[in-house]
Amino acid sequence: LDGGGPIDGSDGCVSDPIGAMVVHGVSDGI
């Protein structure tokens, strides 16, 4: 919910798929 990043230690990301839902406001740094 209205989240971006990055977070310390989160450089790089696995390629494994994962279910994901992203909720974001169009006036909140879309």
PDB file of all heavy atoms in Angstrom:
ATOM      1  N   LEU A   1       0.843  -1.184   0.000  1.00  0.00           N
ATOM      2  CA  LEU A   1       0.000   0.000   0.000  1.00  0.00           C
ATOM      3  C   LEU A   1       0.882   1.240   0.000  1.00  0.00           C
ATOM      4  O   LEU A   1       1.561   1.532   0.984  1.00  0.00           O
ATOM      5  CB  LEU A   1      -0.903   0.016   1.245  1.00  0.00           C
ATOM      6  CG  LEU A   1      -1.711  -1.245   1.546  1.00  0.00           C
ATOM      7  CD1 LEU A   1      -2.530  -1.049   2.827  1.00  0.00           C
ATOM      8  CD2 LEU A   1      -2.618  -1.611   0.382  1.00  0.00           C
ATOM      9  N   ASP A   2       0.916   1.947  -1.105  1.00  0.00           N
ATOM     10  CA  ASP A   2       1.683   3.192  -1.209  1.00  0.00           C
ATOM     11  C   ASP A   2       3.116   3.026  -0.731  1.00  0.00           C
ATOM     12  O   ASP A   2       3.636   3.840   0.027  1.00  0.00           O
ATOM     13  CB  ASP A   2       0.999   4.307  -0.405  1.00  0.00           C
ATOM     14  CG  ASP A   2      -0.326   4.721  -1.015  1.00  0.00           C
ATOM     15  OD1 ASP A   2      -0.359   4.997  -2.223  1.00  0.00           O
ATOM     16  OD2 ASP A   2      -1.331   4.761  -0.287  1.00  0.00           O
ATOM     17  N   GLY A   3       3.762   1.962  -1.164  1.00  0.00           N
ATOM     18  CA  GLY A   3       5.150   1.702  -0.768  1.00  0.00           C
ATOM     19  C   GLY A   3       6.068   1.707  -1.965  1.00  0.00           C
ATOM     20  O   GLY A   3       5.673   1.362  -3.076  1.00  0.00           O
ATOM     21  N   GLY A   4       7.311   2.110  -1.747  1.00  0.00           N
ATOM     22  CA  GLY A   4       8.293   2.124  -2.829  1.00  0.00           C
ATOM     23  C   GLY A   4       9.555   1.394  -2.434  1.00  0.00           C
ATOM     24  O   GLY A   4       9.641   0.193  -2.464  1.00  0.00           O
ATOM     25  N   GLY A   5      10.545   2.131  -1.976  1.00  0.00           N
ATOM     26  CA  GLY A   5      11.837   1.558  -1.606  1.00  0.00           C
ATOM     27  C   GLY A   5      12.932   2.504  -2.054  1.00  0.00           C
ATOM     28  O   GLY A   5      12.658   3.623  -2.491  1.00  0.00           O
ATOM     29  N   PRO A   6      14.191   2.107  -1.921  1.00  0.00           N
ATOM     30  CA  PRO A   6      14.645   0.800  -1.420  1.00  0.00           C
ATOM     31  C   PRO A   6      14.801   0.775   0.093  1.00  0.00           C
ATOM     32  O   PRO A   6      14.702   1.801   0.763  1.00  0.00           O
ATOM     33  CB  PRO A   6      16.005   0.658  -2.103  1.00  0.00           C
ATOM     34  CG  PRO A   6      16.514   2.080  -2.171  1.00  0.00           C
ATOM     35  CD  PRO A   6      15.294   2.931  -2.424  1.00  0.00           C
ATOM     36  N   ILE A   7      15.049  -0.408   0.619  1.00  0.00           N
ATOM     37  CA  ILE A   7      15.333  -0.653   2.020  1.00  0.00           C
ATOM     38  C   ILE A   7      16.764  -1.171   2.116  1.00  0.00           C
ATOM     39  O   ILE A   7      17.230  -1.895   1.235  1.00  0.00           O
ATOM     40  CB  ILE A   7      14.351  -1.696   2.606  1.00  0.00           C
ATOM     41  CG1 ILE A   7      12.921  -1.146   2.608  1.00  0.00           C
ATOM     42  CG2 ILE A   7      14.760  -2.137   3.998  1.00  0.00           C
ATOM     43  CD1 ILE A   7      12.673  -0.038   3.608  1.00  0.00           C
ATOM     44  N   ASP A   8      17.477  -0.826   3.186  1.00  0.00           N
ATOM     45  CA  ASP A   8      18.842  -1.326   3.356  1.00  0.00           C
ATOM     46  C   ASP A   8      18.871  -2.835   3.223  1.00  0.00           C
ATOM     47  O   ASP A   8      18.062  -3.541   3.818  1.00  0.00           O
ATOM     48  CB  ASP A   8      19.390  -0.939   4.731  1.00  0.00           C
ATOM     49  CG  ASP A   8      19.680   0.554   4.846  1.00  0.00           C
ATOM     50  OD1 ASP A   8      19.636   1.238   3.805  1.00  0.00           O
ATOM     51  OD2 ASP A   8      19.941   1.021   5.961  1.00  0.00           O
ATOM     52  N   GLY A   9      19.826  -3.326   2.434  1.00  0.00           N
ATOM     53  CA  GLY A   9      19.976  -4.766   2.266  1.00  0.00           C
ATOM     54  C   GLY A   9      19.055  -5.364   1.237  1.00  0.00           C
ATOM     55  O   GLY A   9      19.019  -6.585   1.082  1.00  0.00           O
ATOM     56  N   SER A  10      18.313  -4.527   0.495  1.00  0.00           N
ATOM     57  CA  SER A  10      17.355  -5.068  -0.469  1.00  0.00           C
ATOM     58  C   SER A  10      17.857  -4.992  -1.908  1.00  0.00           C
ATOM     59  O   SER A  10      17.103  -5.220  -2.838  1.00  0.00           O
ATOM     60  CB  SER A  10      16.019  -4.319  -0.368  1.00  0.00           C
ATOM     61  OG  SER A  10      16.164  -2.965  -0.753  1.00  0.00           O
ATOM     62  N   ASP A  11      19.149  -4.654  -2.097  1.00  0.00           N
ATOM     63  CA  ASP A  11      19.694  -4.615  -3.447  1.00  0.00           C
ATOM     64  C   ASP A  11      19.598  -5.993  -4.083  1.00  0.00           C
ATOM     65  O   ASP A  11      19.911  -7.015  -3.472  1.00  0.00           O
ATOM     66  CB  ASP A  11      21.156  -4.176  -3.426  1.00  0.00           C
ATOM     67  CG  ASP A  11      21.320  -2.720  -2.979  1.00  0.00           C
ATOM     68  OD1 ASP A  11      20.319  -1.988  -3.045  1.00  0.00           O
ATOM     69  OD2 ASP A  11      22.423  -2.351  -2.565  1.00  0.00           O
ATOM     70  N   GLY A  12      19.157  -6.022  -5.317  1.00  0.00           N
ATOM     71  CA  GLY A  12      19.009  -7.293  -6.005  1.00  0.00           C
ATOM     72  C   GLY A  12      17.729  -7.981  -5.605  1.00  0.00           C
ATOM     73  O   GLY A  12      17.235  -7.825  -4.496  1.00  0.00           O
ATOM     74  N   CYS A  13      17.181  -8.758  -6.523  1.00  0.00           N
ATOM     75  CA  CYS A  13      15.912  -9.426  -6.250  1.00  0.00           C
ATOM     76  C   CYS A  13      15.896 -10.757  -6.975  1.00  0.00           C
ATOM     77  O   CYS A  13      16.361 -10.852  -8.113  1.00  0.00           O
ATOM     78  CB  CYS A  13      14.751  -8.552  -6.718  1.00  0.00           C
ATOM     79  SG  CYS A  13      13.131  -9.106  -6.160  1.00  0.00           S
ATOM     80  N   VAL A  14      15.379 -11.777  -6.302  1.00  0.00           N
ATOM     81  CA  VAL A  14      15.286 -13.080  -6.938  1.00  0.00           C
ATOM     82  C   VAL A  14      14.312 -13.003  -8.111  1.00  0.00           C
ATOM     83  O   VAL A  14      13.474 -12.107  -8.190  1.00  0.00           O
ATOM     84  CB  VAL A  14      14.809 -14.147  -5.936  1.00  0.00           C
ATOM     85  CG1 VAL A  14      15.801 -14.308  -4.808  1.00  0.00           C
ATOM     86  CG2 VAL A  14      13.432 -13.811  -5.397  1.00  0.00           C
ATOM     87  N   SER A  15      14.416 -13.951  -8.994  1.00  0.00           N
ATOM     88  CA  SER A  15      13.522 -13.977 -10.160  1.00  0.00           C
ATOM     89  C   SER A  15      12.310 -14.859  -9.937  1.00  0.00           C
ATOM     90  O   SER A  15      11.443 -14.930 -10.801  1.00  0.00           O
ATOM     91  CB  SER A  15      14.296 -14.464 -11.394  1.00  0.00           C
ATOM     92  OG  SER A  15      14.831 -15.756 -11.179  1.00  0.00           O
ATOM     93  N   ASP A  16      12.250 -15.544  -8.783  1.00  0.00           N
ATOM     94  CA  ASP A  16      11.099 -16.408  -8.502  1.00  0.00           C
ATOM     95  C   ASP A  16       9.814 -15.588  -8.532  1.00  0.00           C
ATOM     96  O   ASP A  16       9.764 -14.483  -7.984  1.00  0.00           O
ATOM     97  CB  ASP A  16      11.228 -17.056  -7.127  1.00  0.00           C
ATOM     98  CG  ASP A  16      12.381 -18.036  -7.044  1.00  0.00           C
ATOM     99  OD1 ASP A  16      12.841 -18.486  -8.095  1.00  0.00           O
ATOM    100  OD2 ASP A  16      12.806 -18.342  -5.913  1.00  0.00           O
ATOM    101  N   PRO A  17       8.752 -16.121  -9.107  1.00  0.00           N
ATOM    102  CA  PRO A  17       7.475 -15.397  -9.098  1.00  0.00           C
ATOM    103  C   PRO A  17       6.863 -15.383  -7.710  1.00  0.00           C
ATOM    104  O   PRO A  17       7.152 -16.246  -6.874  1.00  0.00           O
ATOM    105  CB  PRO A  17       6.616 -16.194 -10.079  1.00  0.00           C
ATOM    106  CG  PRO A  17       7.168 -17.582  -9.999  1.00  0.00           C
ATOM    107  CD  PRO A  17       8.652 -17.422  -9.807  1.00  0.00           C
ATOM    108  N   ILE A  18       6.012 -14.408  -7.467  1.00  0.00           N
ATOM    109  CA  ILE A  18       5.312 -14.290  -6.195  1.00  0.00           C
ATOM    110  C   ILE A  18       4.018 -13.520  -6.444  1.00  0.00           C
ATOM    111  O   ILE A  18       3.994 -12.558  -7.220  1.00  0.00           O
ATOM    112  CB  ILE A  18       6.185 -13.567  -5.144  1.00  0.00           C
ATOM    113  CG1 ILE A  18       5.510 -13.571  -3.758  1.00  0.00           C
ATOM    114  CG2 ILE A  18       6.545 -12.162  -5.580  1.00  0.00           C
ATOM    115  CD1 ILE A  18       6.418 -13.075  -2.634  1.00  0.00           C
ATOM    116  N   GLY A  19       2.934 -13.950  -5.831  1.00  0.00           N
ATOM    117  CA  GLY A  19       1.691 -13.209  -5.978  1.00  0.00           C
ATOM    118  C   GLY A  19       1.852 -11.801  -5.425  1.00  0.00           C
ATOM    119  O   GLY A  19       2.454 -11.625  -4.364  1.00  0.00           O
ATOM    120  N   ALA A  20       1.330 -10.811  -6.122  1.00  0.00           N
ATOM    121  CA  ALA A  20       1.547  -9.434  -5.688  1.00  0.00           C
ATOM    122  C   ALA A  20       0.348  -8.547  -6.002  1.00  0.00           C
ATOM    123  O   ALA A  20      -0.262  -8.653  -7.067  1.00  0.00           O
ATOM    124  CB  ALA A  20       2.790  -8.852  -6.359  1.00  0.00           C
ATOM    125  N   MET A  21       0.047  -7.681  -5.048  1.00  0.00           N
ATOM    126  CA  MET A  21      -0.984  -6.663  -5.212  1.00  0.00           C
ATOM    127  C   MET A  21      -0.388  -5.325  -4.817  1.00  0.00           C
ATOM    128  O   MET A  21       0.183  -5.184  -3.728  1.00  0.00           O
ATOM    129  CB  MET A  21      -2.193  -6.984  -4.339  1.00  0.00           C
ATOM    130  CG  MET A  21      -3.297  -5.943  -4.407  1.00  0.00           C
ATOM    131  SD  MET A  21      -4.725  -6.447  -3.387  1.00  0.00           S
ATOM    132  CE  MET A  21      -5.853  -5.080  -3.701  1.00  0.00           C
ATOM    133  N   VAL A  22      -0.503  -4.351  -5.689  1.00  0.00           N
ATOM    134  CA  VAL A  22       0.037  -3.010  -5.452  1.00  0.00           C
ATOM    135  C   VAL A  22      -1.116  -2.016  -5.488  1.00  0.00           C
ATOM    136  O   VAL A  22      -1.870  -1.968  -6.461  1.00  0.00           O
ATOM    137  CB  VAL A  22       1.098  -2.631  -6.512  1.00  0.00           C
ATOM    138  CG1 VAL A  22       1.598  -1.213  -6.289  1.00  0.00           C
ATOM    139  CG2 VAL A  22       2.262  -3.626  -6.481  1.00  0.00           C
ATOM    140  N   VAL A  23      -1.257  -1.243  -4.411  1.00  0.00           N
ATOM    141  CA  VAL A  23      -2.289  -0.208  -4.320  1.00  0.00           C
ATOM    142  C   VAL A  23      -1.580   1.136  -4.213  1.00  0.00           C
ATOM    143  O   VAL A  23      -0.728   1.319  -3.333  1.00  0.00           O
ATOM    144  CB  VAL A  23      -3.200  -0.430  -3.094  1.00  0.00           C
ATOM    145  CG1 VAL A  23      -4.294   0.625  -3.043  1.00  0.00           C
ATOM    146  CG2 VAL A  23      -3.796  -1.834  -3.107  1.00  0.00           C
ATOM    147  N   HIS A  24      -1.922   2.079  -5.103  1.00  0.00           N
ATOM    148  CA  HIS A  24      -1.180   3.336  -5.127  1.00  0.00           C
ATOM    149  C   HIS A  24      -2.074   4.491  -5.567  1.00  0.00           C
ATOM    150  O   HIS A  24      -2.878   4.343  -6.485  1.00  0.00           O
ATOM    151  CB  HIS A  24       0.015   3.229  -6.081  1.00  0.00           C
ATOM    152  CG  HIS A  24       1.190   4.049  -5.668  1.00  0.00           C
ATOM    153  ND1 HIS A  24       2.140   3.603  -4.774  1.00  0.00           N
ATOM    154  CD2 HIS A  24       1.570   5.303  -6.004  1.00  0.00           C
ATOM    155  CE1 HIS A  24       3.055   4.527  -4.589  1.00  0.00           C
ATOM    156  NE2 HIS A  24       2.733   5.578  -5.332  1.00  0.00           N
ATOM    157  N   GLY A  25      -1.918   5.628  -4.910  1.00  0.00           N
ATOM    158  CA  GLY A  25      -2.637   6.836  -5.282  1.00  0.00           C
ATOM    159  C   GLY A  25      -1.959   7.561  -6.429  1.00  0.00           C
ATOM    160  O   GLY A  25      -0.737   7.694  -6.447  1.00  0.00           O
ATOM    161  N   VAL A  26      -2.744   8.053  -7.374  1.00  0.00           N
ATOM    162  CA  VAL A  26      -2.162   8.688  -8.564  1.00  0.00           C
ATOM    163  C   VAL A  26      -1.504  10.024  -8.243  1.00  0.00           C
ATOM    164  O   VAL A  26      -0.749  10.554  -9.058  1.00  0.00           O
ATOM    165  CB  VAL A  26      -3.216   8.870  -9.673  1.00  0.00           C
ATOM    166  CG1 VAL A  26      -3.755   7.526 -10.126  1.00  0.00           C
ATOM    167  CG2 VAL A  26      -4.350   9.782  -9.220  1.00  0.00           C
ATOM    168  N   SER A  27      -1.764  10.574  -7.068  1.00  0.00           N
ATOM    169  CA  SER A  27      -1.120  11.822  -6.659  1.00  0.00           C
ATOM    170  C   SER A  27      -0.067  11.582  -5.582  1.00  0.00           C
ATOM    171  O   SER A  27       0.353  12.501  -4.887  1.00  0.00           O
ATOM    172  CB  SER A  27      -2.165  12.824  -6.146  1.00  0.00           C
ATOM    173  OG  SER A  27      -3.079  13.177  -7.166  1.00  0.00           O
ATOM    174  N   ASP A  28       0.372  10.344  -5.457  1.00  0.00           N
ATOM    175  CA  ASP A  28       1.362   9.973  -4.447  1.00  0.00           C
ATOM    176  C   ASP A  28       2.615   9.435  -5.120  1.00  0.00           C
ATOM    177  O   ASP A  28       2.953   8.265  -4.988  1.00  0.00           O
ATOM    178  CB  ASP A  28       0.773   8.926  -3.498  1.00  0.00           C
ATOM    179  CG  ASP A  28       1.746   8.532  -2.391  1.00  0.00           C
ATOM    180  OD1 ASP A  28       2.645   9.320  -2.083  1.00  0.00           O
ATOM    181  OD2 ASP A  28       1.601   7.434  -1.860  1.00  0.00           O
ATOM    182  N   GLY A  29       3.332  10.307  -5.850  1.00  0.00           N
ATOM    183  CA  GLY A  29       4.559   9.868  -6.505  1.00  0.00           C
ATOM    184  C   GLY A  29       4.323   8.609  -7.315  1.00  0.00           C
ATOM    185  O   GLY A  29       4.923   7.570  -7.075  1.00  0.00           O
ATOM    186  N   ILE A  30       3.421   8.699  -8.284  1.00  0.00           N
ATOM    187  CA  ILE A  30       2.944   7.524  -9.000  1.00  0.00           C
ATOM    188  C   ILE A  30       4.070   6.731  -9.648  1.00  0.00           C
ATOM    189  O   ILE A  30       3.956   5.526  -9.855  1.00  0.00           O
ATOM    190  CB  ILE A  30       1.891   7.934 -10.063  1.00  0.00           C
ATOM    191  CG1 ILE A  30       1.172   6.699 -10.644  1.00  0.00           C
ATOM    192  CG2 ILE A  30       2.523   8.773 -11.152  1.00  0.00           C
ATOM    193  CD1 ILE A  30       0.380   5.930  -9.635  1.00  0.00           C
TER     194      ILE A  30
END
